[in-house]
Amino acid sequence: MFVELMPLLRDRTLLITVARVDEKLKVKVIPARVKEGDEHALTTPLSFTGSAEELDSELGGHLASY
């Protein structure tokens, strides 16, 4: 997952929160605004929910495609 984060972190800071909800994990990725007037889509929080195994195998790909 961190390899996929590197291109995103080149241009902005990301805040990542993780919470356990029953037997799943909920991960929220919040991109910080780089400058006033940033495109809204680039600062929209992303939310993912799944088992630890699902997030291990799929979250990096989702972040890379962002």
N, C-alpha and C. Protein backbone atom coordinates (compact mmCIF):
# COMPACT_ATOMS: atom_id res chain seq x y z
N MET A 1 0.82 -1.19 0.00
CA MET A 1 0.00 0.00 0.00
C MET A 1 0.86 1.26 0.00
N PHE A 2 1.96 1.27 0.70
CA PHE A 2 2.76 2.48 0.78
C PHE A 2 3.46 2.81 -0.53
N VAL A 3 3.77 1.80 -1.32
CA VAL A 3 4.34 2.05 -2.65
C VAL A 3 3.32 2.81 -3.49
N GLU A 4 2.07 2.42 -3.41
CA GLU A 4 1.02 3.09 -4.18
C GLU A 4 0.75 4.51 -3.67
N LEU A 5 1.05 4.76 -2.40
CA LEU A 5 0.84 6.09 -1.83
C LEU A 5 1.90 7.10 -2.28
N MET A 6 3.07 6.64 -2.60
CA MET A 6 4.17 7.56 -2.90
C MET A 6 3.84 8.59 -3.98
N PRO A 7 3.23 8.23 -5.11
CA PRO A 7 2.90 9.27 -6.10
C PRO A 7 1.91 10.30 -5.56
N LEU A 8 0.97 9.88 -4.74
CA LEU A 8 0.01 10.83 -4.17
C LEU A 8 0.69 11.76 -3.17
N LEU A 9 1.65 11.25 -2.43
CA LEU A 9 2.32 12.04 -1.41
C LEU A 9 3.33 13.02 -2.00
N ARG A 10 3.65 12.87 -3.27
CA ARG A 10 4.59 13.79 -3.90
C ARG A 10 4.03 15.21 -3.91
N ASP A 11 2.72 15.33 -4.11
CA ASP A 11 2.11 16.65 -4.29
C ASP A 11 1.24 17.12 -3.14
N ARG A 12 0.92 16.21 -2.19
CA ARG A 12 0.02 16.62 -1.12
C ARG A 12 0.17 15.73 0.09
N THR A 13 -0.38 16.17 1.20
CA THR A 13 -0.42 15.40 2.43
C THR A 13 -1.74 14.64 2.49
N LEU A 14 -1.69 13.41 3.00
CA LEU A 14 -2.90 12.60 3.18
C LEU A 14 -3.05 12.29 4.66
N LEU A 15 -4.27 12.38 5.14
CA LEU A 15 -4.60 11.96 6.49
C LEU A 15 -5.33 10.63 6.36
N ILE A 16 -4.85 9.60 7.04
CA ILE A 16 -5.45 8.27 6.96
C ILE A 16 -5.94 7.87 8.34
N THR A 17 -7.21 7.49 8.43
CA THR A 17 -7.76 6.98 9.68
C THR A 17 -8.24 5.56 9.45
N VAL A 18 -8.11 4.75 10.48
CA VAL A 18 -8.54 3.36 10.41
C VAL A 18 -9.35 3.06 11.66
N ALA A 19 -10.52 2.45 11.46
CA ALA A 19 -11.38 2.07 12.58
C ALA A 19 -11.88 0.65 12.37
N ARG A 20 -12.03 -0.07 13.46
CA ARG A 20 -12.61 -1.40 13.38
C ARG A 20 -14.11 -1.28 13.56
N VAL A 21 -14.85 -1.88 12.65
CA VAL A 21 -16.31 -1.90 12.70
C VAL A 21 -16.71 -3.38 12.65
N ASP A 22 -17.10 -3.92 13.80
CA ASP A 22 -17.38 -5.35 13.93
C ASP A 22 -16.13 -6.12 13.51
N GLU A 23 -16.22 -6.96 12.50
CA GLU A 23 -15.07 -7.75 12.06
C GLU A 23 -14.40 -7.17 10.82
N LYS A 24 -14.76 -5.95 10.45
CA LYS A 24 -14.17 -5.31 9.27
C LYS A 24 -13.40 -4.06 9.69
N LEU A 25 -12.67 -3.52 8.76
CA LEU A 25 -11.95 -2.27 8.96
C LEU A 25 -12.53 -1.21 8.04
N LYS A 26 -12.58 0.00 8.53
CA LYS A 26 -13.00 1.14 7.71
C LYS A 26 -11.81 2.09 7.63
N VAL A 27 -11.37 2.35 6.41
CA VAL A 27 -10.22 3.22 6.17
C VAL A 27 -10.71 4.47 5.45
N LYS A 28 -10.35 5.62 5.97
CA LYS A 28 -10.70 6.88 5.32
C LYS A 28 -9.41 7.60 4.98
N VAL A 29 -9.29 8.01 3.72
CA VAL A 29 -8.13 8.75 3.22
C VAL A 29 -8.60 10.14 2.86
N ILE A 30 -8.02 11.14 3.51
CA ILE A 30 -8.44 12.53 3.29
C ILE A 30 -7.26 13.32 2.72
N PRO A 31 -7.32 13.67 1.44
CA PRO A 31 -6.25 14.49 0.84
C PRO A 31 -6.37 15.94 1.31
N ALA A 32 -5.24 16.51 1.67
CA ALA A 32 -5.22 17.93 2.08
C ALA A 32 -5.21 18.81 0.83
N ARG A 33 -5.83 19.97 0.95
CA ARG A 33 -5.82 20.95 -0.14
C ARG A 33 -4.40 21.50 -0.26
N VAL A 34 -3.87 21.48 -1.47
CA VAL A 34 -2.52 21.99 -1.70
C VAL A 34 -2.55 23.51 -1.81
N LYS A 35 -3.52 24.02 -2.56
CA LYS A 35 -3.63 25.47 -2.72
C LYS A 35 -5.10 25.83 -2.92
N GLU A 36 -5.42 27.03 -2.65
CA GLU A 36 -6.78 27.52 -2.85
C GLU A 36 -7.15 27.34 -4.32
N GLY A 37 -8.35 26.84 -4.57
CA GLY A 37 -8.79 26.64 -5.93
C GLY A 37 -8.51 25.24 -6.46
N ASP A 38 -7.96 24.36 -5.61
CA ASP A 38 -7.78 22.96 -6.03
C ASP A 38 -9.09 22.39 -6.51
N GLU A 39 -9.02 21.54 -7.50
CA GLU A 39 -10.22 20.86 -7.97
C GLU A 39 -10.82 20.07 -6.82
N HIS A 40 -12.13 20.21 -6.64
CA HIS A 40 -12.82 19.58 -5.51
C HIS A 40 -12.61 18.08 -5.47
N ALA A 41 -12.57 17.42 -6.62
CA ALA A 41 -12.41 15.96 -6.66
C ALA A 41 -11.08 15.53 -6.04
N LEU A 42 -10.07 16.39 -6.10
CA LEU A 42 -8.76 16.04 -5.56
C LEU A 42 -8.68 16.19 -4.05
N THR A 43 -9.72 16.74 -3.43
CA THR A 43 -9.74 16.88 -1.97
C THR A 43 -10.91 16.14 -1.35
N THR A 44 -11.60 15.32 -2.12
CA THR A 44 -12.72 14.54 -1.61
C THR A 44 -12.21 13.33 -0.84
N PRO A 45 -12.67 13.13 0.40
CA PRO A 45 -12.24 11.96 1.16
C PRO A 45 -12.66 10.66 0.48
N LEU A 46 -11.82 9.66 0.59
CA LEU A 46 -12.10 8.33 0.07
C LEU A 46 -12.34 7.41 1.26
N SER A 47 -13.31 6.52 1.15
CA SER A 47 -13.62 5.62 2.25
C SER A 47 -13.68 4.19 1.72
N PHE A 48 -13.05 3.28 2.44
CA PHE A 48 -13.01 1.87 2.06
C PHE A 48 -13.35 1.04 3.29
N THR A 49 -14.16 0.00 3.10
CA THR A 49 -14.51 -0.92 4.18
C THR A 49 -14.31 -2.34 3.69
N GLY A 50 -13.68 -3.16 4.50
CA GLY A 50 -13.49 -4.56 4.14
C GLY A 50 -12.72 -5.28 5.21
N SER A 51 -12.51 -6.55 4.99
CA SER A 51 -11.70 -7.33 5.92
C SER A 51 -10.25 -6.88 5.78
N ALA A 52 -9.44 -7.22 6.77
CA ALA A 52 -8.02 -6.87 6.70
C ALA A 52 -7.38 -7.46 5.45
N GLU A 53 -7.76 -8.68 5.12
CA GLU A 53 -7.21 -9.34 3.94
C GLU A 53 -7.62 -8.63 2.65
N GLU A 54 -8.88 -8.22 2.57
CA GLU A 54 -9.35 -7.50 1.38
C GLU A 54 -8.62 -6.18 1.22
N LEU A 55 -8.47 -5.46 2.32
CA LEU A 55 -7.80 -4.17 2.24
C LEU A 55 -6.32 -4.34 1.91
N ASP A 56 -5.69 -5.39 2.46
CA ASP A 56 -4.29 -5.66 2.11
C ASP A 56 -4.12 -5.87 0.61
N SER A 57 -5.03 -6.59 0.02
CA SER A 57 -4.86 -6.93 -1.40
C SER A 57 -5.40 -5.88 -2.36
N GLU A 58 -6.36 -5.06 -1.95
CA GLU A 58 -7.04 -4.17 -2.89
C GLU A 58 -6.85 -2.67 -2.66
N LEU A 59 -6.56 -2.26 -1.44
CA LEU A 59 -6.53 -0.82 -1.15
C LEU A 59 -5.45 -0.10 -1.94
N GLY A 60 -4.28 -0.69 -2.05
CA GLY A 60 -3.20 -0.05 -2.81
C GLY A 60 -3.57 0.23 -4.25
N GLY A 61 -4.26 -0.71 -4.88
CA GLY A 61 -4.70 -0.51 -6.26
C GLY A 61 -5.72 0.61 -6.39
N HIS A 62 -6.62 0.69 -5.42
CA HIS A 62 -7.62 1.77 -5.45
C HIS A 62 -6.93 3.13 -5.29
N LEU A 63 -5.95 3.20 -4.40
CA LEU A 63 -5.25 4.46 -4.20
C LEU A 63 -4.42 4.84 -5.42
N ALA A 64 -3.81 3.85 -6.04
CA ALA A 64 -3.00 4.13 -7.23
C ALA A 64 -3.84 4.66 -8.37
N SER A 65 -5.10 4.22 -8.46
CA SER A 65 -5.96 4.69 -9.55
C SER A 65 -6.58 6.04 -9.26
N TYR A 66 -6.44 6.54 -8.04
CA TYR A 66 -6.97 7.84 -7.67
C TYR A 66 -6.12 8.90 -8.33
